[in-house]
Amino acid sequence: MNDSSGSFHLIDHPLLQHKLFTLRDENTKTKDFRTCLSEMTSILCYEATRKMPMREVSVTTPFAEMKAPDMEPGSLAAVAVLRSGLGMTEGVLTLAPFTKVGHIGIYKDKESGELVQYYSKMPLDISRRHVLLLEPMIATGETADFAIRMLENYRCPAVSLLSIVAVQQGVDLILSRHPYVNIYAAALDSGVNGDGYIVPGLGDIGDRMFGTR
């Protein structure tokens, strides 16, 4: 993961923006929120996997044998940052059901203000897979940075960060510390409020996704 060619990709596809509009609406019901979040993730996954390694494989059509391009087996993993990243997992698996899934649990200690890992479970062969890190909100970028540093221990060939909404502060922090990471997001919002929420943002995405608000 020493390639320094990472960058920020703002995906402005009309369908993605339509679904983002639904997520922003405070009146959107929990079920519809989860559905839109999953569908948006599928679109982001599509964009993030454009340059995945391919191989030529023999296949027999109803009329002939041929060589056709196919993805390398075992080439993709999704890692969800708990808990909000869980809402993005289905969107990846719908598009790429062969993807293996890992999870990272992180919380901020109230006294020290430091981020703490409380859970980590990865596919055994993650070191051979392109990782899609699922973190729907990039505010300060500290949580995503922490998760990427954890993934660096596995020496994965590539890491792409999939997010719904980001702010420039967080994007800059991630790219300065991890210049090989590509970030894919549907929106770049104006900033972060005093409580750490993105503005205008989506609110607390975990609460809205699980109906705990």
Protein backbone atom coordinates (compact mmCIF):
# COMPACT_ATOMS: atom_id res chain seq x y z
CA MET A 1 0.00 0.00 0.00
CA ASN A 2 2.78 2.42 -0.85
CA ASP A 3 1.11 3.81 -3.96
CA SER A 4 0.49 7.55 -3.42
CA SER A 5 -2.10 7.87 -6.18
CA GLY A 6 -5.18 8.11 -3.95
CA SER A 7 -7.65 10.97 -4.27
CA PHE A 8 -11.16 12.16 -3.45
CA HIS A 9 -13.92 11.21 -5.89
CA LEU A 10 -17.22 13.10 -5.64
CA ILE A 11 -19.85 10.93 -7.34
CA ASP A 12 -22.63 13.18 -8.63
CA HIS A 13 -24.72 10.64 -10.55
CA PRO A 14 -28.37 11.82 -10.61
CA LEU A 15 -29.70 8.59 -9.10
CA LEU A 16 -27.21 8.84 -6.25
CA GLN A 17 -28.14 12.45 -5.59
CA HIS A 18 -31.85 11.59 -5.66
CA LYS A 19 -31.33 8.96 -2.96
CA LEU A 20 -29.15 11.36 -0.96
CA PHE A 21 -32.04 13.83 -1.00
CA THR A 22 -34.18 11.13 0.64
CA LEU A 23 -31.53 10.45 3.30
CA ARG A 24 -31.27 14.15 4.17
CA ASP A 25 -35.02 14.52 4.73
CA GLU A 26 -35.72 14.33 8.46
CA ASN A 27 -39.14 12.82 7.70
CA THR A 28 -37.74 9.76 5.92
CA LYS A 29 -38.82 6.59 7.73
CA THR A 30 -36.27 4.10 9.08
CA LYS A 31 -37.06 1.41 6.49
CA ASP A 32 -36.71 3.87 3.58
CA PHE A 33 -33.53 5.29 5.11
CA ARG A 34 -31.91 1.84 5.24
CA THR A 35 -33.00 1.03 1.69
CA CYS A 36 -31.59 4.26 0.25
CA LEU A 37 -28.34 3.86 2.20
CA SER A 38 -27.88 0.36 0.80
CA GLU A 39 -28.71 1.43 -2.76
CA MET A 40 -26.30 4.37 -2.58
CA THR A 41 -23.56 2.04 -1.37
CA SER A 42 -24.08 -0.19 -4.42
CA ILE A 43 -23.47 2.81 -6.69
CA LEU A 44 -20.36 3.83 -4.74
CA CYS A 45 -19.11 0.24 -4.86
CA TYR A 46 -19.60 0.23 -8.64
CA GLU A 47 -17.42 3.33 -8.93
CA ALA A 48 -14.77 2.11 -6.48
CA THR A 49 -14.24 -1.19 -8.30
CA ARG A 50 -13.69 0.19 -11.81
CA LYS A 51 -9.98 -0.71 -11.77
CA MET A 52 -10.17 -4.07 -10.04
CA PRO A 53 -7.78 -6.69 -11.46
CA MET A 54 -9.28 -8.85 -14.22
CA ARG A 55 -8.32 -12.17 -15.82
CA GLU A 56 -9.21 -13.93 -19.07
CA VAL A 57 -11.29 -17.06 -18.46
CA SER A 58 -12.74 -19.62 -20.86
CA VAL A 59 -16.54 -19.71 -20.97
CA THR A 60 -19.01 -21.57 -23.18
CA THR A 61 -21.96 -19.53 -24.42
CA PRO A 62 -25.04 -21.15 -26.02
CA PHE A 63 -23.24 -20.77 -29.36
CA ALA A 64 -19.47 -20.95 -28.85
CA GLU A 65 -16.48 -21.08 -26.54
CA MET A 66 -14.64 -17.85 -25.88
CA LYS A 67 -12.20 -16.06 -23.59
CA ALA A 68 -13.93 -13.45 -21.47
CA PRO A 69 -12.74 -11.04 -18.75
CA ASP A 70 -13.71 -11.86 -15.18
CA MET A 71 -12.69 -10.53 -11.79
CA GLU A 72 -9.89 -12.28 -9.98
CA PRO A 73 -11.37 -14.69 -7.39
CA GLY A 74 -10.93 -13.60 -3.80
CA SER A 75 -10.11 -10.06 -4.79
CA LEU A 76 -12.59 -8.01 -2.73
CA ALA A 77 -13.43 -7.45 0.93
CA ALA A 78 -15.71 -4.98 2.68
CA VAL A 79 -14.90 -3.76 6.20
CA ALA A 80 -17.71 -2.00 8.07
CA VAL A 81 -16.97 0.51 10.81
CA LEU A 82 -19.51 -0.25 13.55
CA ARG A 83 -22.22 0.58 13.87
CA SER A 84 -23.24 2.84 11.00
CA GLY A 85 -21.10 1.00 8.46
CA LEU A 86 -23.36 -2.02 8.87
CA GLY A 87 -26.00 -0.22 6.83
CA MET A 88 -23.67 -0.15 3.84
CA THR A 89 -22.72 -3.83 3.85
CA GLU A 90 -25.80 -5.10 2.06
CA GLY A 91 -25.25 -2.60 -0.74
CA VAL A 92 -21.83 -4.11 -1.46
CA LEU A 93 -23.05 -7.70 -1.17
CA THR A 94 -26.00 -7.07 -3.49
CA LEU A 95 -23.61 -5.94 -6.22
CA ALA A 96 -20.72 -8.30 -5.38
CA PRO A 97 -22.03 -11.27 -3.35
CA PHE A 98 -18.62 -12.97 -3.44
CA THR A 99 -17.21 -10.23 -1.17
CA LYS A 100 -15.95 -11.26 2.26
CA VAL A 101 -16.86 -8.98 5.16
CA GLY A 102 -14.92 -7.73 8.18
CA HIS A 103 -15.90 -5.46 11.05
CA ILE A 104 -14.12 -2.83 13.12
CA GLY A 105 -15.56 -1.43 16.36
CA ILE A 106 -14.26 1.96 17.54
CA TYR A 107 -15.41 4.33 20.29
CA LYS A 108 -14.11 7.56 21.80
CA ASP A 109 -13.13 7.41 25.46
CA LYS A 110 -15.04 10.18 27.25
CA GLU A 111 -12.25 10.99 29.69
CA SER A 112 -9.19 10.89 27.45
CA GLY A 113 -10.89 11.76 24.17
CA GLU A 114 -8.83 8.99 22.53
CA LEU A 115 -10.26 6.52 20.04
CA VAL A 116 -10.31 2.94 21.29
CA GLN A 117 -10.75 -0.31 19.36
CA TYR A 118 -13.27 -2.63 21.02
CA TYR A 119 -13.80 -5.15 18.21
CA SER A 120 -12.02 -6.43 15.11
CA LYS A 121 -12.84 -9.46 12.97
CA MET A 122 -11.37 -9.85 9.48
CA PRO A 123 -11.46 -12.44 6.69
CA LEU A 124 -8.45 -14.73 7.05
CA ASP A 125 -7.19 -13.83 3.57
CA ILE A 126 -7.80 -10.08 3.81
CA SER A 127 -4.12 -9.40 3.08
CA ARG A 128 -4.80 -10.48 -0.52
CA ARG A 129 -7.97 -8.45 -1.02
CA HIS A 130 -8.85 -4.92 -2.13
CA VAL A 131 -10.67 -3.50 0.90
CA LEU A 132 -13.75 -1.29 0.69
CA LEU A 133 -13.86 0.49 4.06
CA LEU A 134 -17.48 1.38 4.85
CA GLU A 135 -17.82 4.57 6.90
CA PRO A 136 -20.89 6.60 5.87
CA MET A 137 -19.82 9.93 7.41
CA ILE A 138 -16.36 11.53 7.22
CA ALA A 139 -16.44 14.47 9.63
CA THR A 140 -13.06 15.12 11.28
CA GLY A 141 -11.73 11.98 9.61
CA GLU A 142 -10.25 10.65 12.84
CA THR A 143 -12.37 7.48 12.97
CA ALA A 144 -11.65 6.57 9.34
CA ASP A 145 -7.96 7.32 9.92
CA PHE A 146 -7.95 4.98 12.93
CA ALA A 147 -9.63 2.23 10.91
CA ILE A 148 -7.21 2.62 7.98
CA ARG A 149 -4.23 2.40 10.35
CA MET A 150 -5.68 -0.87 11.66
CA LEU A 151 -6.01 -2.19 8.12
CA GLU A 152 -2.39 -1.27 7.38
CA ASN A 153 -1.38 -4.05 9.77
CA TYR A 154 -2.80 -6.56 7.28
CA ARG A 155 -0.86 -5.13 4.32
CA CYS A 156 -3.88 -5.24 1.99
CA PRO A 157 -3.03 -4.41 -1.64
CA ALA A 158 -5.47 -1.48 -1.73
CA VAL A 159 -7.99 0.37 0.43
CA SER A 160 -10.90 2.46 -0.83
CA LEU A 161 -13.07 4.44 1.58
CA LEU A 162 -16.79 4.56 0.75
CA SER A 163 -18.79 7.33 2.40
CA ILE A 164 -22.12 9.03 1.87
CA VAL A 165 -21.22 12.52 3.11
CA ALA A 166 -17.81 14.03 3.84
CA VAL A 167 -16.35 17.39 4.77
CA GLN A 168 -13.10 18.80 3.43
CA GLN A 169 -11.40 18.73 6.83
CA GLY A 170 -11.80 14.97 7.11
CA VAL A 171 -10.88 14.30 3.49
CA ASP A 172 -7.68 16.34 3.83
CA LEU A 173 -6.66 14.52 7.01
CA ILE A 174 -7.13 11.08 5.46
CA LEU A 175 -5.31 11.88 2.23
CA SER A 176 -2.43 13.54 4.08
CA ARG A 177 -1.91 10.49 6.30
CA HIS A 178 -2.85 7.83 3.75
CA PRO A 179 -2.11 9.17 0.25
CA TYR A 180 -2.74 5.78 -1.37
CA VAL A 181 -6.42 5.68 -0.29
CA ASN A 182 -9.19 6.56 -2.74
CA ILE A 183 -12.27 8.15 -1.16
CA TYR A 184 -15.68 7.89 -2.84
CA ALA A 185 -18.53 10.06 -1.54
CA ALA A 186 -21.88 11.40 -2.71
CA ALA A 187 -21.54 14.85 -1.12
CA LEU A 188 -19.01 17.27 0.34
CA ASP A 189 -20.80 19.24 3.05
CA SER A 190 -19.84 22.57 4.58
CA GLY A 191 -18.54 21.61 7.99
CA VAL A 192 -18.98 20.09 11.46
CA ASN A 193 -20.98 21.56 14.35
CA GLY A 194 -20.00 21.75 18.02
CA ASP A 195 -21.36 18.27 18.68
CA GLY A 196 -19.27 16.70 15.93
CA TYR A 197 -22.11 16.25 13.43
CA ILE A 198 -21.76 17.11 9.75
CA VAL A 199 -23.82 20.15 8.67
CA PRO A 200 -26.20 20.07 6.85
CA GLY A 201 -25.51 16.33 6.92
CA LEU A 202 -27.94 13.52 7.66
CA GLY A 203 -28.20 13.65 11.44
CA ASP A 204 -27.05 10.67 13.50
CA ILE A 205 -26.91 8.02 10.78
CA GLY A 206 -26.79 5.10 13.22
CA ASP A 207 -29.90 6.26 15.06
CA ARG A 208 -31.77 6.94 11.84
CA MET A 209 -30.77 3.59 10.36
CA PHE A 210 -31.74 1.50 13.40
CA GLY A 211 -34.68 3.59 14.62
CA THR A 212 -33.04 4.50 17.93
CA ARG A 213 -33.48 8.27 17.68
